[in-house]
Amino acid sequence: MADDQRVYLDDIYASEECQGSVFRAVVMMAQEARFINKQAGQGYIQLTKKPTTIAMYKFKEGKLSISDKKAEEASAEVAEEVEMTAENAAQVTAAADDAFGE
């Protein structure tokens, strides 16, 4: 695997934009990869590498940023998914208890 396809913790800690947060770094790269993929799908750009590889390269070059509003929205989405997972776990547990007569 080429070195441009990896982002190390040192890269994240050195980034002023993500403030040393792994979560913020992943959000930044994921948003960029989605944007690149959308642009390619609409025919605006021709890809020579995978969108995630390009996003990682841009992150390492310091060319990505994230607004606090976007970071808050991403945090809220993750929190909502966790709540839904906990809710689903309770439902699955109840269904299993019913199935086994407990």
PDB file of N, CA and C in Angstrom:
ATOM      1  N   MET A   1       0.842  -1.174   0.000  1.00  0.00           N
ATOM      2  CA  MET A   1       0.000   0.000   0.000  1.00  0.00           C
ATOM      3  C   MET A   1       0.888   1.239   0.000  1.00  0.00           C
ATOM      4  N   ALA A   2       0.595   2.155  -0.873  1.00  0.00           N
ATOM      5  CA  ALA A   2       1.404   3.374  -0.981  1.00  0.00           C
ATOM      6  C   ALA A   2       1.230   4.248   0.256  1.00  0.00           C
ATOM      7  N   ASP A   3       2.253   5.038   0.534  1.00  0.00           N
ATOM      8  CA  ASP A   3       2.233   5.879   1.723  1.00  0.00           C
ATOM      9  C   ASP A   3       1.142   6.947   1.652  1.00  0.00           C
ATOM     10  N   ASP A   4       0.742   7.378   0.435  1.00  0.00           N
ATOM     11  CA  ASP A   4      -0.297   8.404   0.326  1.00  0.00           C
ATOM     12  C   ASP A   4      -1.679   7.859   0.645  1.00  0.00           C
ATOM     13  N   GLN A   5      -1.788   6.548   0.811  1.00  0.00           N
ATOM     14  CA  GLN A   5      -3.067   5.936   1.153  1.00  0.00           C
ATOM     15  C   GLN A   5      -3.196   5.700   2.657  1.00  0.00           C
ATOM     16  N   ARG A   6      -2.318   6.267   3.438  1.00  0.00           N
ATOM     17  CA  ARG A   6      -2.370   6.095   4.882  1.00  0.00           C
ATOM     18  C   ARG A   6      -2.302   7.448   5.567  1.00  0.00           C
ATOM     19  N   VAL A   7      -3.090   7.572   6.615  1.00  0.00           N
ATOM     20  CA  VAL A   7      -3.021   8.748   7.469  1.00  0.00           C
ATOM     21  C   VAL A   7      -2.646   8.228   8.850  1.00  0.00           C
ATOM     22  N   TYR A   8      -1.554   8.722   9.359  1.00  0.00           N
ATOM     23  CA  TYR A   8      -1.059   8.279  10.664  1.00  0.00           C
ATOM     24  C   TYR A   8      -1.540   9.220  11.752  1.00  0.00           C
ATOM     25  N   LEU A   9      -1.509   8.751  12.988  1.00  0.00           N
ATOM     26  CA  LEU A   9      -1.896   9.594  14.114  1.00  0.00           C
ATOM     27  C   LEU A   9      -1.063  10.866  14.165  1.00  0.00           C
ATOM     28  N   ASP A  10       0.205  10.768  13.812  1.00  0.00           N
ATOM     29  CA  ASP A  10       1.060  11.961  13.786  1.00  0.00           C
ATOM     30  C   ASP A  10       0.517  13.005  12.815  1.00  0.00           C
ATOM     31  N   ASP A  11      -0.049  12.549  11.678  1.00  0.00           N
ATOM     32  CA  ASP A  11      -0.647  13.473  10.714  1.00  0.00           C
ATOM     33  C   ASP A  11      -1.842  14.189  11.339  1.00  0.00           C
ATOM     34  N   ILE A  12      -2.632  13.436  12.085  1.00  0.00           N
ATOM     35  CA  ILE A  12      -3.827  14.010  12.723  1.00  0.00           C
ATOM     36  C   ILE A  12      -3.427  14.979  13.826  1.00  0.00           C
ATOM     37  N   TYR A  13      -2.477  14.572  14.663  1.00  0.00           N
ATOM     38  CA  TYR A  13      -2.054  15.439  15.770  1.00  0.00           C
ATOM     39  C   TYR A  13      -1.400  16.718  15.259  1.00  0.00           C
ATOM     40  N   ALA A  14      -0.782  16.656  14.095  1.00  0.00           N
ATOM     41  CA  ALA A  14      -0.111  17.828  13.528  1.00  0.00           C
ATOM     42  C   ALA A  14      -1.087  18.772  12.824  1.00  0.00           C
ATOM     43  N   SER A  15      -2.288  18.299  12.548  1.00  0.00           N
ATOM     44  CA  SER A  15      -3.269  19.100  11.818  1.00  0.00           C
ATOM     45  C   SER A  15      -3.944  20.118  12.735  1.00  0.00           C
ATOM     46  N   GLU A  16      -3.810  21.396  12.370  1.00  0.00           N
ATOM     47  CA  GLU A  16      -4.490  22.449  13.129  1.00  0.00           C
ATOM     48  C   GLU A  16      -5.987  22.416  12.856  1.00  0.00           C
ATOM     49  N   GLU A  17      -6.368  22.034  11.657  1.00  0.00           N
ATOM     50  CA  GLU A  17      -7.782  22.041  11.273  1.00  0.00           C
ATOM     51  C   GLU A  17      -8.623  21.066  12.084  1.00  0.00           C
ATOM     52  N   CYS A  18      -8.106  19.878  12.338  1.00  0.00           N
ATOM     53  CA  CYS A  18      -8.902  18.894  13.084  1.00  0.00           C
ATOM     54  C   CYS A  18      -8.601  18.943  14.577  1.00  0.00           C
ATOM     55  N   GLN A  19      -7.700  19.825  14.984  1.00  0.00           N
ATOM     56  CA  GLN A  19      -7.390  20.051  16.396  1.00  0.00           C
ATOM     57  C   GLN A  19      -6.960  18.766  17.115  1.00  0.00           C
ATOM     58  N   GLY A  20      -6.290  17.880  16.387  1.00  0.00           N
ATOM     59  CA  GLY A  20      -5.788  16.646  16.977  1.00  0.00           C
ATOM     60  C   GLY A  20      -6.855  15.605  17.257  1.00  0.00           C
ATOM     61  N   SER A  21      -8.073  15.835  16.764  1.00  0.00           N
ATOM     62  CA  SER A  21      -9.185  14.918  17.002  1.00  0.00           C
ATOM     63  C   SER A  21      -9.297  13.919  15.851  1.00  0.00           C
ATOM     64  N   VAL A  22      -9.210  12.649  16.186  1.00  0.00           N
ATOM     65  CA  VAL A  22      -9.348  11.598  15.175  1.00  0.00           C
ATOM     66  C   VAL A  22     -10.746  11.663  14.560  1.00  0.00           C
ATOM     67  N   PHE A  23     -11.750  11.901  15.399  1.00  0.00           N
ATOM     68  CA  PHE A  23     -13.123  11.986  14.910  1.00  0.00           C
ATOM     69  C   PHE A  23     -13.262  13.094  13.870  1.00  0.00           C
ATOM     70  N   ARG A  24     -12.749  14.289  14.181  1.00  0.00           N
ATOM     71  CA  ARG A  24     -12.836  15.407  13.240  1.00  0.00           C
ATOM     72  C   ARG A  24     -12.083  15.084  11.950  1.00  0.00           C
ATOM     73  N   ALA A  25     -10.943  14.423  12.061  1.00  0.00           N
ATOM     74  CA  ALA A  25     -10.156  14.070  10.877  1.00  0.00           C
ATOM     75  C   ALA A  25     -10.948  13.129   9.973  1.00  0.00           C
ATOM     76  N   VAL A  26     -11.590  12.138  10.559  1.00  0.00           N
ATOM     77  CA  VAL A  26     -12.379  11.184   9.776  1.00  0.00           C
ATOM     78  C   VAL A  26     -13.560  11.882   9.115  1.00  0.00           C
ATOM     79  N   VAL A  27     -14.228  12.773   9.854  1.00  0.00           N
ATOM     80  CA  VAL A  27     -15.354  13.516   9.286  1.00  0.00           C
ATOM     81  C   VAL A  27     -14.888  14.367   8.109  1.00  0.00           C
ATOM     82  N   MET A  28     -13.764  15.042   8.273  1.00  0.00           N
ATOM     83  CA  MET A  28     -13.243  15.888   7.200  1.00  0.00           C
ATOM     84  C   MET A  28     -12.956  15.073   5.950  1.00  0.00           C
ATOM     85  N   MET A  29     -12.284  13.946   6.109  1.00  0.00           N
ATOM     86  CA  MET A  29     -11.933  13.125   4.948  1.00  0.00           C
ATOM     87  C   MET A  29     -13.168  12.485   4.326  1.00  0.00           C
ATOM     88  N   ALA A  30     -14.116  12.052   5.150  1.00  0.00           N
ATOM     89  CA  ALA A  30     -15.334  11.426   4.629  1.00  0.00           C
ATOM     90  C   ALA A  30     -16.161  12.423   3.824  1.00  0.00           C
ATOM     91  N   GLN A  31     -16.282  13.648   4.336  1.00  0.00           N
ATOM     92  CA  GLN A  31     -17.038  14.665   3.605  1.00  0.00           C
ATOM     93  C   GLN A  31     -16.375  14.987   2.269  1.00  0.00           C
ATOM     94  N   GLU A  32     -15.064  15.079   2.269  1.00  0.00           N
ATOM     95  CA  GLU A  32     -14.345  15.368   1.022  1.00  0.00           C
ATOM     96  C   GLU A  32     -14.498  14.212   0.034  1.00  0.00           C
ATOM     97  N   ALA A  33     -14.383  12.987   0.521  1.00  0.00           N
ATOM     98  CA  ALA A  33     -14.521  11.820  -0.358  1.00  0.00           C
ATOM     99  C   ALA A  33     -15.922  11.774  -0.974  1.00  0.00           C
ATOM    100  N   ARG A  34     -16.953  12.079  -0.176  1.00  0.00           N
ATOM    101  CA  ARG A  34     -18.323  12.111  -0.702  1.00  0.00           C
ATOM    102  C   ARG A  34     -18.467  13.186  -1.773  1.00  0.00           C
ATOM    103  N   PHE A  35     -17.881  14.359  -1.507  1.00  0.00           N
ATOM    104  CA  PHE A  35     -17.947  15.454  -2.467  1.00  0.00           C
ATOM    105  C   PHE A  35     -17.260  15.064  -3.775  1.00  0.00           C
ATOM    106  N   ILE A  36     -16.079  14.483  -3.685  1.00  0.00           N
ATOM    107  CA  ILE A  36     -15.336  14.059  -4.874  1.00  0.00           C
ATOM    108  C   ILE A  36     -16.130  13.014  -5.650  1.00  0.00           C
ATOM    109  N   ASN A  37     -16.704  12.050  -4.943  1.00  0.00           N
ATOM    110  CA  ASN A  37     -17.483  10.992  -5.577  1.00  0.00           C
ATOM    111  C   ASN A  37     -18.708  11.570  -6.286  1.00  0.00           C
ATOM    112  N   LYS A  38     -19.349  12.543  -5.646  1.00  0.00           N
ATOM    113  CA  LYS A  38     -20.520  13.189  -6.255  1.00  0.00           C
ATOM    114  C   LYS A  38     -20.116  13.944  -7.521  1.00  0.00           C
ATOM    115  N   GLN A  39     -19.002  14.671  -7.463  1.00  0.00           N
ATOM    116  CA  GLN A  39     -18.520  15.410  -8.634  1.00  0.00           C
ATOM    117  C   GLN A  39     -18.189  14.457  -9.784  1.00  0.00           C
ATOM    118  N   ALA A  40     -17.586  13.325  -9.459  1.00  0.00           N
ATOM    119  CA  ALA A  40     -17.258  12.334 -10.494  1.00  0.00           C
ATOM    120  C   ALA A  40     -18.527  11.726 -11.083  1.00  0.00           C
ATOM    121  N   GLY A  41     -19.498  11.457 -10.223  1.00  0.00           N
ATOM    122  CA  GLY A  41     -20.762  10.881 -10.678  1.00  0.00           C
ATOM    123  C   GLY A  41     -21.531  11.810 -11.601  1.00  0.00           C
ATOM    124  N   GLN A  42     -21.371  13.106 -11.388  1.00  0.00           N
ATOM    125  CA  GLN A  42     -22.058  14.092 -12.227  1.00  0.00           C
ATOM    126  C   GLN A  42     -21.251  14.449 -13.474  1.00  0.00           C
ATOM    127  N   GLY A  43     -20.062  13.867 -13.601  1.00  0.00           N
ATOM    128  CA  GLY A  43     -19.255  14.071 -14.798  1.00  0.00           C
ATOM    129  C   GLY A  43     -18.378  15.309 -14.786  1.00  0.00           C
ATOM    130  N   TYR A  44     -18.255  15.976 -13.640  1.00  0.00           N
ATOM    131  CA  TYR A  44     -17.429  17.183 -13.579  1.00  0.00           C
ATOM    132  C   TYR A  44     -15.937  16.880 -13.517  1.00  0.00           C
ATOM    133  N   ILE A  45     -15.575  15.744 -12.952  1.00  0.00           N
ATOM    134  CA  ILE A  45     -14.164  15.369 -12.846  1.00  0.00           C
ATOM    135  C   ILE A  45     -13.992  13.917 -13.251  1.00  0.00           C
ATOM    136  N   GLN A  46     -12.793  13.577 -13.688  1.00  0.00           N
ATOM    137  CA  GLN A  46     -12.431  12.210 -14.050  1.00  0.00           C
ATOM    138  C   GLN A  46     -11.468  11.711 -12.973  1.00  0.00           C
ATOM    139  N   LEU A  47     -11.809  10.626 -12.312  1.00  0.00           N
ATOM    140  CA  LEU A  47     -10.977  10.110 -11.224  1.00  0.00           C
ATOM    141  C   LEU A  47      -9.867   9.197 -11.735  1.00  0.00           C
ATOM    142  N   THR A  48      -8.681   9.395 -11.173  1.00  0.00           N
ATOM    143  CA  THR A  48      -7.564   8.499 -11.447  1.00  0.00           C
ATOM    144  C   THR A  48      -7.235   7.663 -10.213  1.00  0.00           C
ATOM    145  N   LYS A  49      -7.784   8.095  -9.066  1.00  0.00           N
ATOM    146  CA  LYS A  49      -7.625   7.364  -7.801  1.00  0.00           C
ATOM    147  C   LYS A  49      -8.977   7.325  -7.113  1.00  0.00           C
ATOM    148  N   LYS A  50      -9.080   6.493  -6.085  1.00  0.00           N
ATOM    149  CA  LYS A  50     -10.317   6.401  -5.324  1.00  0.00           C
ATOM    150  C   LYS A  50     -10.553   7.710  -4.561  1.00  0.00           C
ATOM    151  N   PRO A  51     -11.818   8.091  -4.389  1.00  0.00           N
ATOM    152  CA  PRO A  51     -12.123   9.328  -3.657  1.00  0.00           C
ATOM    153  C   PRO A  51     -11.515   9.357  -2.247  1.00  0.00           C
ATOM    154  N   THR A  52     -11.488   8.235  -1.563  1.00  0.00           N
ATOM    155  CA  THR A  52     -10.921   8.216  -0.208  1.00  0.00           C
ATOM    156  C   THR A  52      -9.424   8.477  -0.233  1.00  0.00           C
ATOM    157  N   THR A  53      -8.741   7.952  -1.235  1.00  0.00           N
ATOM    158  CA  THR A  53      -7.301   8.184  -1.362  1.00  0.00           C
ATOM    159  C   THR A  53      -7.021   9.656  -1.610  1.00  0.00           C
ATOM    160  N   ILE A  54      -7.815  10.274  -2.473  1.00  0.00           N
ATOM    161  CA  ILE A  54      -7.646  11.697  -2.765  1.00  0.00           C
ATOM    162  C   ILE A  54      -7.922  12.527  -1.513  1.00  0.00           C
ATOM    163  N   ALA A  55      -8.977  12.176  -0.772  1.00  0.00           N
ATOM    164  CA  ALA A  55      -9.319  12.908   0.447  1.00  0.00           C
ATOM    165  C   ALA A  55      -8.208  12.782   1.489  1.00  0.00           C
ATOM    166  N   MET A  56      -7.619  11.597   1.621  1.00  0.00           N
ATOM    167  CA  MET A  56      -6.523  11.417   2.576  1.00  0.00           C
ATOM    168  C   MET A  56      -5.314  12.255   2.175  1.00  0.00           C
ATOM    169  N   TYR A  57      -5.024  12.277   0.886  1.00  0.00           N
ATOM    170  CA  TYR A  57      -3.905  13.082   0.399  1.00  0.00           C
ATOM    171  C   TYR A  57      -4.140  14.561   0.707  1.00  0.00           C
ATOM    172  N   LYS A  58      -5.345  15.044   0.436  1.00  0.00           N
ATOM    173  CA  LYS A  58      -5.667  16.442   0.711  1.00  0.00           C
ATOM    174  C   LYS A  58      -5.556  16.745   2.203  1.00  0.00           C
ATOM    175  N   PHE A  59      -5.990  15.803   3.039  1.00  0.00           N
ATOM    176  CA  PHE A  59      -5.880  16.004   4.489  1.00  0.00           C
ATOM    177  C   PHE A  59      -4.422  16.157   4.902  1.00  0.00           C
ATOM    178  N   LYS A  60      -3.599  15.247   4.399  1.00  0.00           N
ATOM    179  CA  LYS A  60      -2.180  15.278   4.763  1.00  0.00           C
ATOM    180  C   LYS A  60      -1.495  16.552   4.255  1.00  0.00           C
ATOM    181  N   GLU A  61      -1.982  17.123   3.159  1.00  0.00           N
ATOM    182  CA  GLU A  61      -1.424  18.345   2.605  1.00  0.00           C
ATOM    183  C   GLU A  61      -1.974  19.599   3.289  1.00  0.00           C
ATOM    184  N   GLY A  62      -2.931  19.402   4.215  1.00  0.00           N
ATOM    185  CA  GLY A  62      -3.524  20.534   4.921  1.00  0.00           C
ATOM    186  C   GLY A  62      -4.519  21.315   4.087  1.00  0.00           C
ATOM    187  N   LYS A  63      -5.120  20.662   3.098  1.00  0.00           N
ATOM    188  CA  LYS A  63      -6.037  21.344   2.194  1.00  0.00           C
ATOM    189  C   LYS A  63      -7.509  21.150   2.557  1.00  0.00           C
ATOM    190  N   LEU A  64      -7.789  20.494   3.674  1.00  0.00           N
ATOM    191  CA  LEU A  64      -9.171  20.284   4.101  1.00  0.00           C
ATOM    192  C   LEU A  64      -9.447  21.097   5.354  1.00  0.00           C
ATOM    193  N   SER A  65     -10.688  21.497   5.492  1.00  0.00           N
ATOM    194  CA  SER A  65     -11.095  22.187   6.715  1.00  0.00           C
ATOM    195  C   SER A  65     -12.513  21.757   7.056  1.00  0.00           C
ATOM    196  N   ILE A  66     -12.927  22.087   8.260  1.00  0.00           N
ATOM    197  CA  ILE A  66     -14.279  21.766   8.703  1.00  0.00           C
ATOM    198  C   ILE A  66     -14.752  22.919   9.569  1.00  0.00           C
ATOM    199  N   SER A  67     -15.999  23.302   9.355  1.00  0.00           N
ATOM    200  CA  SER A  67     -16.553  24.368  10.187  1.00  0.00           C
ATOM    201  C   SER A  67     -17.055  23.758  11.488  1.00  0.00           C
ATOM    202  N   ASP A  68     -17.122  24.547  12.531  1.00  0.00           N
ATOM    203  CA  ASP A  68     -17.618  24.043  13.813  1.00  0.00           C
ATOM    204  C   ASP A  68     -19.054  23.557  13.679  1.00  0.00           C
ATOM    205  N   LYS A  69     -19.840  24.235  12.835  1.00  0.00           N
ATOM    206  CA  LYS A  69     -21.230  23.833  12.632  1.00  0.00           C
ATOM    207  C   LYS A  69     -21.305  22.425  12.042  1.00  0.00           C
ATOM    208  N   LYS A  70     -20.463  22.148  11.040  1.00  0.00           N
ATOM    209  CA  LYS A  70     -20.452  20.816  10.436  1.00  0.00           C
ATOM    210  C   LYS A  70     -19.998  19.774  11.439  1.00  0.00           C
ATOM    211  N   ALA A  71     -19.029  20.086  12.257  1.00  0.00           N
ATOM    212  CA  ALA A  71     -18.548  19.151  13.271  1.00  0.00           C
ATOM    213  C   ALA A  71     -19.643  18.850  14.285  1.00  0.00           C
ATOM    214  N   GLU A  72     -20.393  19.884  14.680  1.00  0.00           N
ATOM    215  CA  GLU A  72     -21.497  19.677  15.621  1.00  0.00           C
ATOM    216  C   GLU A  72     -22.583  18.810  15.004  1.00  0.00           C
ATOM    217  N   GLU A  73     -22.899  19.055  13.726  1.00  0.00           N
ATOM    218  CA  GLU A  73     -23.908  18.250  13.039  1.00  0.00           C
ATOM    219  C   GLU A  73     -23.465  16.796  12.948  1.00  0.00           C
ATOM    220  N   ALA A  74     -22.208  16.554  12.635  1.00  0.00           N
ATOM    221  CA  ALA A  74     -21.684  15.193  12.547  1.00  0.00           C
ATOM    222  C   ALA A  74     -21.735  14.513  13.904  1.00  0.00           C
ATOM    223  N   SER A  75     -21.402  15.243  14.962  1.00  0.00           N
ATOM    224  CA  SER A  75     -21.461  14.680  16.316  1.00  0.00           C
ATOM    225  C   SER A  75     -22.890  14.304  16.668  1.00  0.00           C
ATOM    226  N   ALA A  76     -23.845  15.156  16.279  1.00  0.00           N
ATOM    227  CA  ALA A  76     -25.256  14.875  16.554  1.00  0.00           C
ATOM    228  C   ALA A  76     -25.716  13.632  15.804  1.00  0.00           C
ATOM    229  N   GLU A  77     -25.269  13.473  14.551  1.00  0.00           N
ATOM    230  CA  GLU A  77     -25.631  12.288  13.767  1.00  0.00           C
ATOM    231  C   GLU A  77     -25.098  11.020  14.431  1.00  0.00           C
ATOM    232  N   VAL A  78     -23.865  11.059  14.882  1.00  0.00           N
ATOM    233  CA  VAL A  78     -23.270   9.893  15.537  1.00  0.00           C
ATOM    234  C   VAL A  78     -24.024   9.580  16.825  1.00  0.00           C
ATOM    235  N   ALA A  79     -24.346  10.604  17.600  1.00  0.00           N
ATOM    236  CA  ALA A  79     -25.081  10.405  18.853  1.00  0.00           C
ATOM    237  C   ALA A  79     -26.445   9.792  18.573  1.00  0.00           C
ATOM    238  N   GLU A  80     -27.109  10.253  17.508  1.00  0.00           N
ATOM    239  CA  GLU A  80     -28.413   9.709  17.143  1.00  0.00           C
ATOM    240  C   GLU A  80     -28.298   8.232  16.751  1.00  0.00           C
ATOM    241  N   GLU A  81     -27.256   7.882  15.996  1.00  0.00           N
ATOM    242  CA  GLU A  81     -27.051   6.492  15.603  1.00  0.00           C
ATOM    243  C   GLU A  81     -26.798   5.613  16.820  1.00  0.00           C
ATOM    244  N   VAL A  82     -26.051   6.116  17.790  1.00  0.00           N
ATOM    245  CA  VAL A  82     -25.780   5.353  19.008  1.00  0.00           C
ATOM    246  C   VAL A  82     -27.073   5.126  19.773  1.00  0.00           C
ATOM    247  N   GLU A  83     -27.921   6.163  19.884  1.00  0.00           N
ATOM    248  CA  GLU A  83     -29.194   6.017  20.570  1.00  0.00           C
ATOM    249  C   GLU A  83     -30.064   4.991  19.870  1.00  0.00           C
ATOM    250  N   MET A  84     -30.101   5.048  18.542  1.00  0.00           N
ATOM    251  CA  MET A  84     -30.907   4.097  17.800  1.00  0.00           C
ATOM    252  C   MET A  84     -30.386   2.686  18.000  1.00  0.00           C
ATOM    253  N   THR A  85     -29.094   2.528  18.062  1.00  0.00           N
ATOM    254  CA  THR A  85     -28.514   1.211  18.278  1.00  0.00           C
ATOM    255  C   THR A  85     -28.884   0.680  19.654  1.00  0.00           C
ATOM    256  N   ALA A  86     -28.826   1.538  20.671  1.00  0.00           N
ATOM    257  CA  ALA A  86     -29.201   1.127  22.021  1.00  0.00           C
ATOM    258  C   ALA A  86     -30.681   0.757  22.069  1.00  0.00           C
ATOM    259  N   GLU A  87     -31.506   1.539  21.361  1.00  0.00           N
ATOM    260  CA  GLU A  87     -32.933   1.251  21.305  1.00  0.00           C
ATOM    261  C   GLU A  87     -33.173  -0.087  20.609  1.00  0.00           C
ATOM    262  N   ASN A  88     -32.484  -0.315  19.502  1.00  0.00           N
ATOM    263  CA  ASN A  88     -32.622  -1.586  18.784  1.00  0.00           C
ATOM    264  C   ASN A  88     -32.165  -2.752  19.636  1.00  0.00           C
ATOM    265  N   ALA A  89     -31.105  -2.555  20.407  1.00  0.00           N
ATOM    266  CA  ALA A  89     -30.605  -3.628  21.271  1.00  0.00           C
ATOM    267  C   ALA A  89     -31.657  -4.006  22.302  1.00  0.00           C
ATOM    268  N   ALA A  90     -32.350  -3.024  22.848  1.00  0.00           N
ATOM    269  CA  ALA A  90     -33.410  -3.306  23.828  1.00  0.00           C
ATOM    270  C   ALA A  90     -34.546  -4.080  23.167  1.00  0.00           C
ATOM    271  N   GLN A  91     -34.903  -3.706  21.947  1.00  0.00           N
ATOM    272  CA  GLN A  91     -35.964  -4.408  21.225  1.00  0.00           C
ATOM    273  C   GLN A  91     -35.560  -5.835  20.895  1.00  0.00           C
ATOM    274  N   VAL A  92     -34.321  -6.014  20.468  1.00  0.00           N
ATOM    275  CA  VAL A  92     -33.829  -7.360  20.135  1.00  0.00           C
ATOM    276  C   VAL A  92     -33.801  -8.220  21.385  1.00  0.00           C
ATOM    277  N   THR A  93     -33.363  -7.656  22.503  1.00  0.00           N
ATOM    278  CA  THR A  93     -33.316  -8.393  23.770  1.00  0.00           C
ATOM    279  C   THR A  93     -34.712  -8.804  24.178  1.00  0.00           C
ATOM    280  N   ALA A  94     -35.685  -7.892  24.059  1.00  0.00           N
ATOM    281  CA  ALA A  94     -37.071  -8.205  24.417  1.00  0.00           C
ATOM    282  C   ALA A  94     -37.622  -9.301  23.514  1.00  0.00           C
ATOM    283  N   ALA A  95     -37.340  -9.232  22.219  1.00  0.00           N
ATOM    284  CA  ALA A  95     -37.814 -10.242  21.274  1.00  0.00           C
ATOM    285  C   ALA A  95     -37.196 -11.615  21.595  1.00  0.00           C
ATOM    286  N   ALA A  96     -35.913 -11.613  21.949  1.00  0.00           N
ATOM    287  CA  ALA A  96     -35.241 -12.877  22.299  1.00  0.00           C
ATOM    288  C   ALA A  96     -35.847 -13.456  23.583  1.00  0.00           C
ATOM    289  N   ASP A  97     -36.121 -12.599  24.562  1.00  0.00           N
ATOM    290  CA  ASP A  97     -36.747 -13.063  25.799  1.00  0.00           C
ATOM    291  C   ASP A  97     -38.111 -13.677  25.519  1.00  0.00           C
ATOM    292  N   ASP A  98     -38.901 -13.026  24.639  1.00  0.00           N
ATOM    293  CA  ASP A  98     -40.204 -13.548  24.279  1.00  0.00           C
ATOM    294  C   ASP A  98     -40.077 -14.894  23.564  1.00  0.00           C
ATOM    295  N   ALA A  99     -39.101 -15.005  22.681  1.00  0.00           N
ATOM    296  CA  ALA A  99     -38.919 -16.217  21.911  1.00  0.00           C
ATOM    297  C   ALA A  99     -38.545 -17.410  22.798  1.00  0.00           C
ATOM    298  N   PHE A 100     -37.792 -17.133  23.852  1.00  0.00           N
ATOM    299  CA  PHE A 100     -37.369 -18.212  24.736  1.00  0.00           C
ATOM    300  C   PHE A 100     -38.228 -18.314  25.990  1.00  0.00           C
ATOM    301  N   GLY A 101     -39.331 -17.574  26.024  1.00  0.00           N
ATOM    302  CA  GLY A 101     -40.265 -17.669  27.131  1.00  0.00           C
ATOM    303  C   GLY A 101     -39.734 -17.149  28.450  1.00  0.00           C
ATOM    304  N   GLU A 102     -38.901 -16.154  28.401  1.00  0.00           N
ATOM    305  CA  GLU A 102     -38.352 -15.590  29.646  1.00  0.00           C
ATOM    306  C   GLU A 102     -39.043 -14.309  29.999  1.00  0.00           C
TER     307      GLU A 102
END
